[in-house]
Amino acid sequence: MSNPNVFILASDNSPQLIPLLRSNPSLASSQDEHGYSLLHAAASYNHHDLLRTLIHDYHVDSNMKDEDGESPIFVAETVETARILIEELQGDPGQKNDEGLTAEEKIRGEGDFVAVADYLKEVRTQGTDSHKNGETEERIPPLPPNVTVKMGTTTEDQVPEEADPAFRARIEELASREDFQGEEGQKQLRELVTEAVRGVGSDADGRDVRRRVE
């Protein structure tokens, strides 16, 4: 008796397939003479649970290529199948075949499953925007809690003098303490800031002055 064709079993989502894979797990990654795999069959026929089983349980590469350099995304005929391959199973929508085309480009060119091509375009566009936003976030670190920044312009004669060196030294000394982040350290910091804001202290002539805090 000949062995069953695992590719046909995958295409039919036959209940015979999983027991066969359990007895011989290496079959899960098998490909025919054209590079056609069980993943390609499952994707083409929208067998979503089989896709998940092959990748999660048998660790089949979700970007496995056939003889034309095409992954299972290239044979997806529904948006849901493409979505599962990309968003759940780490399929690469930017992968190109041997002709240099992505799945989006090939599917749109063939004109049969335009909704899938539109979805792939949306994924590509969102990925580009997310990448740009990620770069921006890396360049601009978040501000500490309770700190706000107001943007504005100033002229040369409005530029304040350097902060009081003695006051700066007190701030730096406080910040270097081990308990700086603790209740006592933060209490003393608030007192120093309050002192600066209220202009506590005097210059050599006895006049009240307002210290700058940077």
C-alpha atoms as a PDB file:
ATOM      1  CA  MET A   1       0.000   0.000   0.000  1.00  0.00           C
ATOM      2  CA  SER A   2       1.489   3.369  -1.047  1.00  0.00           C
ATOM      3  CA  ASN A   3       1.967   6.182   1.416  1.00  0.00           C
ATOM      4  CA  PRO A   4      -0.662   8.940   1.251  1.00  0.00           C
ATOM      5  CA  ASN A   5       0.284  12.174  -0.494  1.00  0.00           C
ATOM      6  CA  VAL A   6       0.772  14.651   2.354  1.00  0.00           C
ATOM      7  CA  PHE A   7       0.285  17.634   0.041  1.00  0.00           C
ATOM      8  CA  ILE A   8      -3.155  16.432  -1.004  1.00  0.00           C
ATOM      9  CA  LEU A   9      -3.980  15.714   2.639  1.00  0.00           C
ATOM     10  CA  ALA A  10      -2.977  19.288   3.507  1.00  0.00           C
ATOM     11  CA  SER A  11      -5.014  20.721   0.633  1.00  0.00           C
ATOM     12  CA  ASP A  12      -8.057  18.753   1.822  1.00  0.00           C
ATOM     13  CA  ASN A  13      -7.320  19.437   5.506  1.00  0.00           C
ATOM     14  CA  SER A  14      -7.719  15.700   5.938  1.00  0.00           C
ATOM     15  CA  PRO A  15      -8.006  14.321   9.504  1.00  0.00           C
ATOM     16  CA  GLN A  16      -5.403  11.741   8.455  1.00  0.00           C
ATOM     17  CA  LEU A  17      -2.661  14.388   8.224  1.00  0.00           C
ATOM     18  CA  ILE A  18      -1.977  15.244  11.867  1.00  0.00           C
ATOM     19  CA  PRO A  19      -1.621  11.598  13.035  1.00  0.00           C
ATOM     20  CA  LEU A  20       0.768  11.080  10.124  1.00  0.00           C
ATOM     21  CA  LEU A  21       2.834  14.103  11.186  1.00  0.00           C
ATOM     22  CA  ARG A  22       2.923  12.892  14.765  1.00  0.00           C
ATOM     23  CA  SER A  23       4.377   9.607  13.626  1.00  0.00           C
ATOM     24  CA  ASN A  24       6.868  11.338  11.337  1.00  0.00           C
ATOM     25  CA  PRO A  25       7.350  15.043  12.284  1.00  0.00           C
ATOM     26  CA  SER A  26       9.880  15.641   9.495  1.00  0.00           C
ATOM     27  CA  LEU A  27       7.023  15.448   6.986  1.00  0.00           C
ATOM     28  CA  ALA A  28       5.761  18.812   8.237  1.00  0.00           C
ATOM     29  CA  SER A  29       8.617  20.592   6.450  1.00  0.00           C
ATOM     30  CA  SER A  30       8.591  18.454   3.325  1.00  0.00           C
ATOM     31  CA  GLN A  31       8.402  19.985  -0.165  1.00  0.00           C
ATOM     32  CA  ASP A  32       7.677  18.415  -3.521  1.00  0.00           C
ATOM     33  CA  GLU A  33       9.872  18.718  -6.617  1.00  0.00           C
ATOM     34  CA  HIS A  34       8.572  22.271  -7.170  1.00  0.00           C
ATOM     35  CA  GLY A  35       9.128  23.416  -3.631  1.00  0.00           C
ATOM     36  CA  TYR A  36       5.410  23.225  -2.848  1.00  0.00           C
ATOM     37  CA  SER A  37       4.965  22.664   0.882  1.00  0.00           C
ATOM     38  CA  LEU A  38       2.224  21.806   3.345  1.00  0.00           C
ATOM     39  CA  LEU A  39       2.251  25.478   4.342  1.00  0.00           C
ATOM     40  CA  HIS A  40       1.627  26.560   0.760  1.00  0.00           C
ATOM     41  CA  ALA A  41      -1.245  24.082   0.524  1.00  0.00           C
ATOM     42  CA  ALA A  42      -2.774  25.198   3.824  1.00  0.00           C
ATOM     43  CA  ALA A  43      -2.470  28.877   2.861  1.00  0.00           C
ATOM     44  CA  SER A  44      -3.904  28.384  -0.611  1.00  0.00           C
ATOM     45  CA  TYR A  45      -6.952  26.525   0.718  1.00  0.00           C
ATOM     46  CA  ASN A  46      -7.471  28.736   3.796  1.00  0.00           C
ATOM     47  CA  HIS A  47      -6.831  26.029   6.390  1.00  0.00           C
ATOM     48  CA  HIS A  48      -5.931  28.387   9.213  1.00  0.00           C
ATOM     49  CA  ASP A  49      -5.717  25.887  12.054  1.00  0.00           C
ATOM     50  CA  LEU A  50      -3.392  23.736   9.976  1.00  0.00           C
ATOM     51  CA  LEU A  51      -1.161  26.759   9.335  1.00  0.00           C
ATOM     52  CA  ARG A  52      -0.942  27.420  13.073  1.00  0.00           C
ATOM     53  CA  THR A  53      -0.255  23.759  13.847  1.00  0.00           C
ATOM     54  CA  LEU A  54       2.536  23.443  11.287  1.00  0.00           C
ATOM     55  CA  ILE A  55       4.297  26.584  12.522  1.00  0.00           C
ATOM     56  CA  HIS A  56       3.664  26.407  16.262  1.00  0.00           C
ATOM     57  CA  ASP A  57       3.830  22.652  16.841  1.00  0.00           C
ATOM     58  CA  TYR A  58       6.231  21.562  14.108  1.00  0.00           C
ATOM     59  CA  HIS A  59       8.291  24.773  13.794  1.00  0.00           C
ATOM     60  CA  VAL A  60       7.951  25.028  10.038  1.00  0.00           C
ATOM     61  CA  ASP A  61       9.417  28.273   8.656  1.00  0.00           C
ATOM     62  CA  SER A  62       6.513  30.609   7.857  1.00  0.00           C
ATOM     63  CA  ASN A  63       8.591  32.120   5.026  1.00  0.00           C
ATOM     64  CA  MET A  64       9.448  28.805   3.364  1.00  0.00           C
ATOM     65  CA  LYS A  65       9.967  29.348  -0.381  1.00  0.00           C
ATOM     66  CA  ASP A  66       8.936  27.243  -3.360  1.00  0.00           C
ATOM     67  CA  GLU A  67      10.929  26.914  -6.583  1.00  0.00           C
ATOM     68  CA  ASP A  68       9.896  30.431  -7.627  1.00  0.00           C
ATOM     69  CA  GLY A  69      11.120  31.929  -4.377  1.00  0.00           C
ATOM     70  CA  GLU A  70       7.575  32.487  -3.132  1.00  0.00           C
ATOM     71  CA  SER A  71       6.421  32.080   0.464  1.00  0.00           C
ATOM     72  CA  PRO A  72       2.903  31.013   1.494  1.00  0.00           C
ATOM     73  CA  ILE A  73       1.814  34.688   1.520  1.00  0.00           C
ATOM     74  CA  PHE A  74       2.050  34.655  -2.296  1.00  0.00           C
ATOM     75  CA  VAL A  75      -0.688  32.029  -2.540  1.00  0.00           C
ATOM     76  CA  ALA A  76      -3.059  33.584   0.022  1.00  0.00           C
ATOM     77  CA  GLU A  77      -6.462  34.110  -1.562  1.00  0.00           C
ATOM     78  CA  THR A  78      -8.237  35.795   1.364  1.00  0.00           C
ATOM     79  CA  VAL A  79      -7.363  38.718   3.591  1.00  0.00           C
ATOM     80  CA  GLU A  80      -7.844  36.561   6.701  1.00  0.00           C
ATOM     81  CA  THR A  81      -5.257  34.046   5.522  1.00  0.00           C
ATOM     82  CA  ALA A  82      -2.769  36.809   4.727  1.00  0.00           C
ATOM     83  CA  ARG A  83      -3.472  38.452   8.076  1.00  0.00           C
ATOM     84  CA  ILE A  84      -2.853  35.231  10.009  1.00  0.00           C
ATOM     85  CA  LEU A  85       0.382  34.559   8.143  1.00  0.00           C
ATOM     86  CA  ILE A  86       1.714  38.061   8.809  1.00  0.00           C
ATOM     87  CA  GLU A  87       0.251  39.163  12.143  1.00  0.00           C
ATOM     88  CA  GLU A  88       0.174  35.805  13.933  1.00  0.00           C
ATOM     89  CA  LEU A  89       2.813  33.670  12.270  1.00  0.00           C
ATOM     90  CA  GLN A  90       5.585  36.186  11.475  1.00  0.00           C
ATOM     91  CA  GLY A  91       5.321  35.911   7.707  1.00  0.00           C
ATOM     92  CA  ASP A  92       7.356  38.543   5.869  1.00  0.00           C
ATOM     93  CA  PRO A  93       5.181  40.602   3.475  1.00  0.00           C
ATOM     94  CA  GLY A  94       8.271  42.308   2.070  1.00  0.00           C
ATOM     95  CA  GLN A  95       9.882  39.089   0.868  1.00  0.00           C
ATOM     96  CA  LYS A  96      10.523  39.072  -2.904  1.00  0.00           C
ATOM     97  CA  ASN A  97      10.296  36.162  -5.322  1.00  0.00           C
ATOM     98  CA  ASP A  98      12.830  35.250  -8.007  1.00  0.00           C
ATOM     99  CA  GLU A  99      11.322  37.900 -10.296  1.00  0.00           C
ATOM    100  CA  GLY A 100      11.953  40.597  -7.693  1.00  0.00           C
ATOM    101  CA  LEU A 101       8.264  41.025  -6.869  1.00  0.00           C
ATOM    102  CA  THR A 102       6.654  41.126  -3.434  1.00  0.00           C
ATOM    103  CA  ALA A 103       3.428  39.236  -2.792  1.00  0.00           C
ATOM    104  CA  GLU A 104       1.554  42.527  -2.994  1.00  0.00           C
ATOM    105  CA  GLU A 105       3.019  43.316  -6.402  1.00  0.00           C
ATOM    106  CA  LYS A 106       2.462  39.850  -7.843  1.00  0.00           C
ATOM    107  CA  ILE A 107      -1.097  39.468  -6.544  1.00  0.00           C
ATOM    108  CA  ARG A 108      -2.081  42.932  -7.769  1.00  0.00           C
ATOM    109  CA  GLY A 109      -0.516  42.248 -11.140  1.00  0.00           C
ATOM    110  CA  GLU A 110      -2.509  39.045 -11.559  1.00  0.00           C
ATOM    111  CA  GLY A 111      -5.684  40.906 -10.577  1.00  0.00           C
ATOM    112  CA  ASP A 112      -7.485  37.945  -8.991  1.00  0.00           C
ATOM    113  CA  PHE A 113      -7.369  38.789  -5.282  1.00  0.00           C
ATOM    114  CA  VAL A 114      -7.280  42.573  -5.150  1.00  0.00           C
ATOM    115  CA  ALA A 115      -8.489  42.681  -1.528  1.00  0.00           C
ATOM    116  CA  VAL A 116      -5.413  40.709  -0.474  1.00  0.00           C
ATOM    117  CA  ALA A 117      -3.163  43.090  -2.386  1.00  0.00           C
ATOM    118  CA  ASP A 118      -4.882  46.051  -0.726  1.00  0.00           C
ATOM    119  CA  TYR A 119      -4.328  44.495   2.703  1.00  0.00           C
ATOM    120  CA  LEU A 120      -0.640  43.895   1.929  1.00  0.00           C
ATOM    121  CA  LYS A 121      -0.320  47.525   0.838  1.00  0.00           C
ATOM    122  CA  GLU A 122      -1.888  48.642   4.114  1.00  0.00           C
ATOM    123  CA  VAL A 123       0.576  46.482   6.079  1.00  0.00           C
ATOM    124  CA  ARG A 124       3.490  47.940   4.117  1.00  0.00           C
ATOM    125  CA  THR A 125       2.308  51.518   4.681  1.00  0.00           C
ATOM    126  CA  GLN A 126       1.713  51.029   8.389  1.00  0.00           C
ATOM    127  CA  GLY A 127       5.100  49.359   8.767  1.00  0.00           C
ATOM    128  CA  THR A 128       6.836  52.341   7.155  1.00  0.00           C
ATOM    129  CA  ASP A 129       5.003  54.816   9.409  1.00  0.00           C
ATOM    130  CA  SER A 130       5.756  52.775  12.529  1.00  0.00           C
ATOM    131  CA  HIS A 131       9.431  52.634  11.601  1.00  0.00           C
ATOM    132  CA  LYS A 132       9.569  56.394  11.178  1.00  0.00           C
ATOM    133  CA  ASN A 133       7.783  56.983  14.464  1.00  0.00           C
ATOM    134  CA  GLY A 134      10.106  54.557  16.198  1.00  0.00           C
ATOM    135  CA  GLU A 135      13.147  56.484  15.005  1.00  0.00           C
ATOM    136  CA  THR A 136      11.634  59.722  16.290  1.00  0.00           C
ATOM    137  CA  GLU A 137      10.910  58.225  19.680  1.00  0.00           C
ATOM    138  CA  GLU A 138      14.463  56.954  19.992  1.00  0.00           C
ATOM    139  CA  ARG A 139      15.897  60.372  19.237  1.00  0.00           C
ATOM    140  CA  ILE A 140      13.654  62.175  21.748  1.00  0.00           C
ATOM    141  CA  PRO A 141      13.784  60.611  25.244  1.00  0.00           C
ATOM    142  CA  PRO A 142      10.744  61.027  27.506  1.00  0.00           C
ATOM    143  CA  LEU A 143      10.679  63.875  30.017  1.00  0.00           C
ATOM    144  CA  PRO A 144      10.815  63.108  33.739  1.00  0.00           C
ATOM    145  CA  PRO A 145       7.477  63.042  35.620  1.00  0.00           C
ATOM    146  CA  ASN A 146       5.851  66.408  36.394  1.00  0.00           C
ATOM    147  CA  VAL A 147       8.113  68.237  33.926  1.00  0.00           C
ATOM    148  CA  THR A 148       6.717  70.257  31.029  1.00  0.00           C
ATOM    149  CA  VAL A 149       8.444  72.215  28.295  1.00  0.00           C
ATOM    150  CA  LYS A 150       7.204  75.440  26.731  1.00  0.00           C
ATOM    151  CA  MET A 151       8.742  76.376  23.400  1.00  0.00           C
ATOM    152  CA  GLY A 152       9.375  80.020  22.513  1.00  0.00           C
ATOM    153  CA  THR A 153      11.865  82.517  21.142  1.00  0.00           C
ATOM    154  CA  THR A 154      14.152  84.969  22.860  1.00  0.00           C
ATOM    155  CA  THR A 155      16.547  87.766  22.029  1.00  0.00           C
ATOM    156  CA  GLU A 156      20.161  88.096  23.125  1.00  0.00           C
ATOM    157  CA  ASP A 157      19.378  90.619  25.853  1.00  0.00           C
ATOM    158  CA  GLN A 158      16.792  88.221  27.286  1.00  0.00           C
ATOM    159  CA  VAL A 159      19.259  85.391  27.841  1.00  0.00           C
ATOM    160  CA  PRO A 160      19.608  84.952  31.627  1.00  0.00           C
ATOM    161  CA  GLU A 161      22.883  84.854  33.450  1.00  0.00           C
ATOM    162  CA  GLU A 162      24.476  81.576  34.543  1.00  0.00           C
ATOM    163  CA  ALA A 163      22.814  79.809  37.448  1.00  0.00           C
ATOM    164  CA  ASP A 164      24.241  80.578  40.890  1.00  0.00           C
ATOM    165  CA  PRO A 165      27.260  78.218  41.216  1.00  0.00           C
ATOM    166  CA  ALA A 166      26.644  77.701  44.927  1.00  0.00           C
ATOM    167  CA  PHE A 167      23.012  76.806  44.344  1.00  0.00           C
ATOM    168  CA  ARG A 168      23.970  74.482  41.473  1.00  0.00           C
ATOM    169  CA  ALA A 169      26.470  72.780  43.780  1.00  0.00           C
ATOM    170  CA  ARG A 170      23.745  72.197  46.375  1.00  0.00           C
ATOM    171  CA  ILE A 171      21.509  70.617  43.725  1.00  0.00           C
ATOM    172  CA  GLU A 172      24.322  68.382  42.419  1.00  0.00           C
ATOM    173  CA  GLU A 173      25.272  67.333  45.946  1.00  0.00           C
ATOM    174  CA  LEU A 174      21.676  66.401  46.686  1.00  0.00           C
ATOM    175  CA  ALA A 175      21.308  64.479  43.416  1.00  0.00           C
ATOM    176  CA  SER A 176      24.397  62.402  44.198  1.00  0.00           C
ATOM    177  CA  ARG A 177      22.969  61.103  47.458  1.00  0.00           C
ATOM    178  CA  GLU A 178      21.751  57.520  47.645  1.00  0.00           C
ATOM    179  CA  ASP A 179      18.415  58.618  49.093  1.00  0.00           C
ATOM    180  CA  PHE A 180      17.804  61.200  46.348  1.00  0.00           C
ATOM    181  CA  GLN A 181      14.859  59.238  44.964  1.00  0.00           C
ATOM    182  CA  GLY A 182      13.504  58.581  48.442  1.00  0.00           C
ATOM    183  CA  GLU A 183      11.017  60.654  50.385  1.00  0.00           C
ATOM    184  CA  GLU A 184      13.629  62.677  52.305  1.00  0.00           C
ATOM    185  CA  GLY A 185      15.728  63.407  49.227  1.00  0.00           C
ATOM    186  CA  GLN A 186      12.719  64.547  47.219  1.00  0.00           C
ATOM    187  CA  LYS A 187      11.542  66.674  50.131  1.00  0.00           C
ATOM    188  CA  GLN A 188      14.867  68.521  50.248  1.00  0.00           C
ATOM    189  CA  LEU A 189      14.806  68.965  46.483  1.00  0.00           C
ATOM    190  CA  ARG A 190      11.358  70.555  46.683  1.00  0.00           C
ATOM    191  CA  GLU A 191      12.619  72.887  49.396  1.00  0.00           C
ATOM    192  CA  LEU A 192      15.556  73.967  47.256  1.00  0.00           C
ATOM    193  CA  VAL A 193      13.322  74.586  44.256  1.00  0.00           C
ATOM    194  CA  THR A 194      10.828  76.488  46.383  1.00  0.00           C
ATOM    195  CA  GLU A 195      13.668  78.610  47.735  1.00  0.00           C
ATOM    196  CA  ALA A 196      14.819  79.411  44.216  1.00  0.00           C
ATOM    197  CA  VAL A 197      11.335  80.238  42.953  1.00  0.00           C
ATOM    198  CA  ARG A 198      10.535  82.503  45.880  1.00  0.00           C
ATOM    199  CA  GLY A 199      13.834  84.310  45.566  1.00  0.00           C
ATOM    200  CA  VAL A 200      15.109  83.413  49.001  1.00  0.00           C
ATOM    201  CA  GLY A 201      18.595  84.720  49.602  1.00  0.00           C
ATOM    202  CA  SER A 202      20.333  88.002  48.965  1.00  0.00           C
ATOM    203  CA  ASP A 203      23.271  89.330  47.007  1.00  0.00           C
ATOM    204  CA  ALA A 204      26.277  91.189  48.453  1.00  0.00           C
ATOM    205  CA  ASP A 205      24.289  94.458  48.693  1.00  0.00           C
ATOM    206  CA  GLY A 206      21.537  92.885  50.735  1.00  0.00           C
ATOM    207  CA  ARG A 207      19.017  92.946  47.887  1.00  0.00           C
ATOM    208  CA  ASP A 208      16.674  89.987  47.416  1.00  0.00           C
ATOM    209  CA  VAL A 209      17.535  87.994  44.336  1.00  0.00           C
ATOM    210  CA  ARG A 210      15.870  85.133  42.462  1.00  0.00           C
ATOM    211  CA  ARG A 211      18.096  82.189  41.680  1.00  0.00           C
ATOM    212  CA  ARG A 212      17.765  80.324  38.396  1.00  0.00           C
ATOM    213  CA  VAL A 213      17.214  76.586  38.359  1.00  0.00           C
ATOM    214  CA  GLU A 214      18.302  74.735  35.259  1.00  0.00           C
END
